[in-house]
Amino acid sequence: LTHTPSPMGFLNEILGRPSHERPFLLLVVGYPAGDAKVPEITKKPLEEFISFV
């Protein structure tokens, strides 16, 4: 699961990174809290969204 908030400049301040660095992706890891509302989704088959050249 990835998340790309816009704008992401706030991450530089939170993480203490210099202004010339640009975050481009948040990778969410771990498990949801017991009371978290997580939507029921299903994975698409790999063949549905990938192509080999």
PDB file of N, CA and C in Angstrom:
ATOM      1  N   LEU A   1       0.853  -1.168   0.000  1.00  0.00           N
ATOM      2  CA  LEU A   1       0.000   0.000   0.000  1.00  0.00           C
ATOM      3  C   LEU A   1       0.893   1.224   0.000  1.00  0.00           C
ATOM      4  N   THR A   2       0.680   2.114  -0.929  1.00  0.00           N
ATOM      5  CA  THR A   2       1.443   3.361  -0.968  1.00  0.00           C
ATOM      6  C   THR A   2       0.501   4.537  -0.839  1.00  0.00           C
ATOM      7  N   HIS A   3       1.063   5.654  -0.461  1.00  0.00           N
ATOM      8  CA  HIS A   3       0.277   6.870  -0.298  1.00  0.00           C
ATOM      9  C   HIS A   3       1.137   8.035  -0.761  1.00  0.00           C
ATOM     10  N   THR A   4       0.590   8.891  -1.593  1.00  0.00           N
ATOM     11  CA  THR A   4       1.333  10.046  -2.086  1.00  0.00           C
ATOM     12  C   THR A   4       0.527  11.310  -1.808  1.00  0.00           C
ATOM     13  N   PRO A   5       0.678  11.887  -0.602  1.00  0.00           N
ATOM     14  CA  PRO A   5      -0.052  13.118  -0.315  1.00  0.00           C
ATOM     15  C   PRO A   5       0.517  14.277  -1.120  1.00  0.00           C
ATOM     16  N   SER A   6      -0.315  15.247  -1.378  1.00  0.00           N
ATOM     17  CA  SER A   6       0.132  16.407  -2.127  1.00  0.00           C
ATOM     18  C   SER A   6      -0.315  17.658  -1.383  1.00  0.00           C
ATOM     19  N   PRO A   7       0.556  18.576  -1.078  1.00  0.00           N
ATOM     20  CA  PRO A   7       1.999  18.560  -1.302  1.00  0.00           C
ATOM     21  C   PRO A   7       2.710  17.742  -0.228  1.00  0.00           C
ATOM     22  N   MET A   8       3.910  17.275  -0.542  1.00  0.00           N
ATOM     23  CA  MET A   8       4.651  16.438   0.394  1.00  0.00           C
ATOM     24  C   MET A   8       5.784  17.183   1.091  1.00  0.00           C
ATOM     25  N   GLY A   9       5.875  18.493   0.905  1.00  0.00           N
ATOM     26  CA  GLY A   9       6.945  19.268   1.517  1.00  0.00           C
ATOM     27  C   GLY A   9       6.981  19.179   3.032  1.00  0.00           C
ATOM     28  N   PHE A  10       5.846  18.909   3.659  1.00  0.00           N
ATOM     29  CA  PHE A  10       5.806  18.817   5.114  1.00  0.00           C
ATOM     30  C   PHE A  10       6.728  17.721   5.639  1.00  0.00           C
ATOM     31  N   LEU A  11       7.004  16.698   4.816  1.00  0.00           N
ATOM     32  CA  LEU A  11       7.870  15.608   5.263  1.00  0.00           C
ATOM     33  C   LEU A  11       9.297  16.080   5.502  1.00  0.00           C
ATOM     34  N   ASN A  12       9.778  17.019   4.708  1.00  0.00           N
ATOM     35  CA  ASN A  12      11.134  17.541   4.910  1.00  0.00           C
ATOM     36  C   ASN A  12      11.275  18.115   6.320  1.00  0.00           C
ATOM     37  N   GLU A  13      10.266  18.850   6.748  1.00  0.00           N
ATOM     38  CA  GLU A  13      10.318  19.453   8.077  1.00  0.00           C
ATOM     39  C   GLU A  13      10.211  18.385   9.163  1.00  0.00           C
ATOM     40  N   ILE A  14       9.275  17.471   9.015  1.00  0.00           N
ATOM     41  CA  ILE A  14       9.076  16.421  10.018  1.00  0.00           C
ATOM     42  C   ILE A  14      10.316  15.547  10.158  1.00  0.00           C
ATOM     43  N   LEU A  15      10.928  15.206   9.022  1.00  0.00           N
ATOM     44  CA  LEU A  15      12.065  14.289   9.024  1.00  0.00           C
ATOM     45  C   LEU A  15      13.418  14.992   9.095  1.00  0.00           C
ATOM     46  N   GLY A  16      13.401  16.333   9.122  1.00  0.00           N
ATOM     47  CA  GLY A  16      14.646  17.082   9.223  1.00  0.00           C
ATOM     48  C   GLY A  16      15.538  16.945   7.998  1.00  0.00           C
ATOM     49  N   ARG A  17      14.923  16.894   6.816  1.00  0.00           N
ATOM     50  CA  ARG A  17      15.684  16.735   5.573  1.00  0.00           C
ATOM     51  C   ARG A  17      15.902  18.096   4.926  1.00  0.00           C
ATOM     52  N   PRO A  18      16.989  18.256   4.152  1.00  0.00           N
ATOM     53  CA  PRO A  18      17.252  19.531   3.480  1.00  0.00           C
ATOM     54  C   PRO A  18      16.215  19.815   2.387  1.00  0.00           C
ATOM     55  N   SER A  19      16.069  21.099   2.055  1.00  0.00           N
ATOM     56  CA  SER A  19      15.028  21.502   1.105  1.00  0.00           C
ATOM     57  C   SER A  19      15.281  21.005  -0.315  1.00  0.00           C
ATOM     58  N   HIS A  20      16.526  20.656  -0.668  1.00  0.00           N
ATOM     59  CA  HIS A  20      16.789  20.177  -2.030  1.00  0.00           C
ATOM     60  C   HIS A  20      16.372  18.717  -2.226  1.00  0.00           C
ATOM     61  N   GLU A  21      16.044  18.014  -1.152  1.00  0.00           N
ATOM     62  CA  GLU A  21      15.528  16.647  -1.279  1.00  0.00           C
ATOM     63  C   GLU A  21      14.015  16.699  -1.415  1.00  0.00           C
ATOM     64  N   ARG A  22      13.482  15.839  -2.271  1.00  0.00           N
ATOM     65  CA  ARG A  22      12.042  15.813  -2.510  1.00  0.00           C
ATOM     66  C   ARG A  22      11.496  14.413  -2.254  1.00  0.00           C
ATOM     67  N   PRO A  23      10.660  14.244  -1.228  1.00  0.00           N
ATOM     68  CA  PRO A  23      10.022  12.944  -1.036  1.00  0.00           C
ATOM     69  C   PRO A  23       9.013  12.714  -2.154  1.00  0.00           C
ATOM     70  N   PHE A  24       8.849  11.469  -2.565  1.00  0.00           N
ATOM     71  CA  PHE A  24       7.891  11.197  -3.631  1.00  0.00           C
ATOM     72  C   PHE A  24       6.951  10.050  -3.315  1.00  0.00           C
ATOM     73  N   LEU A  25       7.165   9.336  -2.218  1.00  0.00           N
ATOM     74  CA  LEU A  25       6.301   8.202  -1.916  1.00  0.00           C
ATOM     75  C   LEU A  25       6.386   7.856  -0.447  1.00  0.00           C
ATOM     76  N   LEU A  26       5.253   7.530   0.145  1.00  0.00           N
ATOM     77  CA  LEU A  26       5.213   6.978   1.496  1.00  0.00           C
ATOM     78  C   LEU A  26       4.876   5.508   1.360  1.00  0.00           C
ATOM     79  N   LEU A  27       5.642   4.670   1.999  1.00  0.00           N
ATOM     80  CA  LEU A  27       5.367   3.239   1.990  1.00  0.00           C
ATOM     81  C   LEU A  27       4.854   2.868   3.372  1.00  0.00           C
ATOM     82  N   VAL A  28       3.605   2.492   3.435  1.00  0.00           N
ATOM     83  CA  VAL A  28       2.963   2.174   4.703  1.00  0.00           C
ATOM     84  C   VAL A  28       3.276   0.729   5.061  1.00  0.00           C
ATOM     85  N   VAL A  29       3.771   0.507   6.278  1.00  0.00           N
ATOM     86  CA  VAL A  29       4.102  -0.842   6.727  1.00  0.00           C
ATOM     87  C   VAL A  29       3.450  -1.098   8.080  1.00  0.00           C
ATOM     88  N   GLY A  30       3.261  -2.358   8.401  1.00  0.00           N
ATOM     89  CA  GLY A  30       2.697  -2.711   9.693  1.00  0.00           C
ATOM     90  C   GLY A  30       1.290  -3.255   9.559  1.00  0.00           C
ATOM     91  N   TYR A  31       0.591  -3.244  10.664  1.00  0.00           N
ATOM     92  CA  TYR A  31      -0.763  -3.779  10.727  1.00  0.00           C
ATOM     93  C   TYR A  31      -1.707  -2.676  11.181  1.00  0.00           C
ATOM     94  N   PRO A  32      -2.950  -2.688  10.699  1.00  0.00           N
ATOM     95  CA  PRO A  32      -3.905  -1.667  11.134  1.00  0.00           C
ATOM     96  C   PRO A  32      -4.302  -1.887  12.592  1.00  0.00           C
ATOM     97  N   ALA A  33      -4.684  -0.818  13.250  1.00  0.00           N
ATOM     98  CA  ALA A  33      -5.198  -0.908  14.612  1.00  0.00           C
ATOM     99  C   ALA A  33      -6.462  -1.761  14.606  1.00  0.00           C
ATOM    100  N   GLY A  34      -6.759  -2.360  15.724  1.00  0.00           N
ATOM    101  CA  GLY A  34      -7.929  -3.227  15.822  1.00  0.00           C
ATOM    102  C   GLY A  34      -9.227  -2.536  15.445  1.00  0.00           C
ATOM    103  N   ASP A  35      -9.339  -1.233  15.709  1.00  0.00           N
ATOM    104  CA  ASP A  35     -10.569  -0.500  15.401  1.00  0.00           C
ATOM    105  C   ASP A  35     -10.469   0.291  14.094  1.00  0.00           C
ATOM    106  N   ALA A  36      -9.416   0.054  13.296  1.00  0.00           N
ATOM    107  CA  ALA A  36      -9.250   0.766  12.023  1.00  0.00           C
ATOM    108  C   ALA A  36     -10.303   0.310  11.016  1.00  0.00           C
ATOM    109  N   LYS A  37     -10.767   1.246  10.205  1.00  0.00           N
ATOM    110  CA  LYS A  37     -11.736   0.923   9.158  1.00  0.00           C
ATOM    111  C   LYS A  37     -10.968   0.767   7.853  1.00  0.00           C
ATOM    112  N   VAL A  38     -10.699  -0.463   7.479  1.00  0.00           N
ATOM    113  CA  VAL A  38      -9.936  -0.775   6.275  1.00  0.00           C
ATOM    114  C   VAL A  38     -10.897  -1.323   5.231  1.00  0.00           C
ATOM    115  N   PRO A  39     -10.931  -0.738   4.020  1.00  0.00           N
ATOM    116  CA  PRO A  39     -11.869  -1.226   3.002  1.00  0.00           C
ATOM    117  C   PRO A  39     -11.525  -2.637   2.539  1.00  0.00           C
ATOM    118  N   GLU A  40     -12.549  -3.386   2.208  1.00  0.00           N
ATOM    119  CA  GLU A  40     -12.368  -4.731   1.655  1.00  0.00           C
ATOM    120  C   GLU A  40     -12.002  -4.583   0.184  1.00  0.00           C
ATOM    121  N   ILE A  41     -10.783  -4.943  -0.163  1.00  0.00           N
ATOM    122  CA  ILE A  41     -10.351  -4.875  -1.553  1.00  0.00           C
ATOM    123  C   ILE A  41      -9.746  -6.211  -1.946  1.00  0.00           C
ATOM    124  N   THR A  42      -9.746  -6.464  -3.229  1.00  0.00           N
ATOM    125  CA  THR A  42      -9.132  -7.692  -3.722  1.00  0.00           C
ATOM    126  C   THR A  42      -7.990  -7.319  -4.661  1.00  0.00           C
ATOM    127  N   LYS A  43      -6.991  -8.156  -4.710  1.00  0.00           N
ATOM    128  CA  LYS A  43      -5.857  -7.913  -5.597  1.00  0.00           C
ATOM    129  C   LYS A  43      -6.234  -8.263  -7.025  1.00  0.00           C
ATOM    130  N   LYS A  44      -5.773  -7.432  -7.960  1.00  0.00           N
ATOM    131  CA  LYS A  44      -5.964  -7.744  -9.372  1.00  0.00           C
ATOM    132  C   LYS A  44      -4.954  -8.811  -9.763  1.00  0.00           C
ATOM    133  N   PRO A  45      -5.315  -9.665 -10.694  1.00  0.00           N
ATOM    134  CA  PRO A  45      -4.332 -10.634 -11.182  1.00  0.00           C
ATOM    135  C   PRO A  45      -3.164  -9.899 -11.844  1.00  0.00           C
ATOM    136  N   LEU A  46      -1.973 -10.412 -11.677  1.00  0.00           N
ATOM    137  CA  LEU A  46      -0.779  -9.788 -12.231  1.00  0.00           C
ATOM    138  C   LEU A  46      -0.920  -9.540 -13.729  1.00  0.00           C
ATOM    139  N   GLU A  47      -1.515 -10.462 -14.438  1.00  0.00           N
ATOM    140  CA  GLU A  47      -1.670 -10.348 -15.890  1.00  0.00           C
ATOM    141  C   GLU A  47      -2.536  -9.156 -16.290  1.00  0.00           C
ATOM    142  N   GLU A  48      -3.327  -8.646 -15.368  1.00  0.00           N
ATOM    143  CA  GLU A  48      -4.239  -7.555 -15.684  1.00  0.00           C
ATOM    144  C   GLU A  48      -3.537  -6.193 -15.768  1.00  0.00           C
ATOM    145  N   PHE A  49      -2.382  -6.050 -15.145  1.00  0.00           N
ATOM    146  CA  PHE A  49      -1.753  -4.738 -15.143  1.00  0.00           C
ATOM    147  C   PHE A  49      -0.258  -4.741 -15.457  1.00  0.00           C
ATOM    148  N   ILE A  50       0.289  -5.845 -15.911  1.00  0.00           N
ATOM    149  CA  ILE A  50       1.713  -5.888 -16.226  1.00  0.00           C
ATOM    150  C   ILE A  50       1.904  -6.397 -17.649  1.00  0.00           C
ATOM    151  N   SER A  51       2.942  -5.914 -18.286  1.00  0.00           N
ATOM    152  CA  SER A  51       3.285  -6.432 -19.611  1.00  0.00           C
ATOM    153  C   SER A  51       4.794  -6.608 -19.672  1.00  0.00           C
ATOM    154  N   PHE A  52       5.218  -7.624 -20.377  1.00  0.00           N
ATOM    155  CA  PHE A  52       6.632  -7.917 -20.523  1.00  0.00           C
ATOM    156  C   PHE A  52       7.068  -7.564 -21.935  1.00  0.00           C
ATOM    157  N   VAL A  53       8.191  -6.901 -22.050  1.00  0.00           N
ATOM    158  CA  VAL A  53       8.705  -6.485 -23.357  1.00  0.00           C
ATOM    159  C   VAL A  53       9.932  -7.293 -23.689  1.00  0.00           C
TER     160      VAL A  53
END
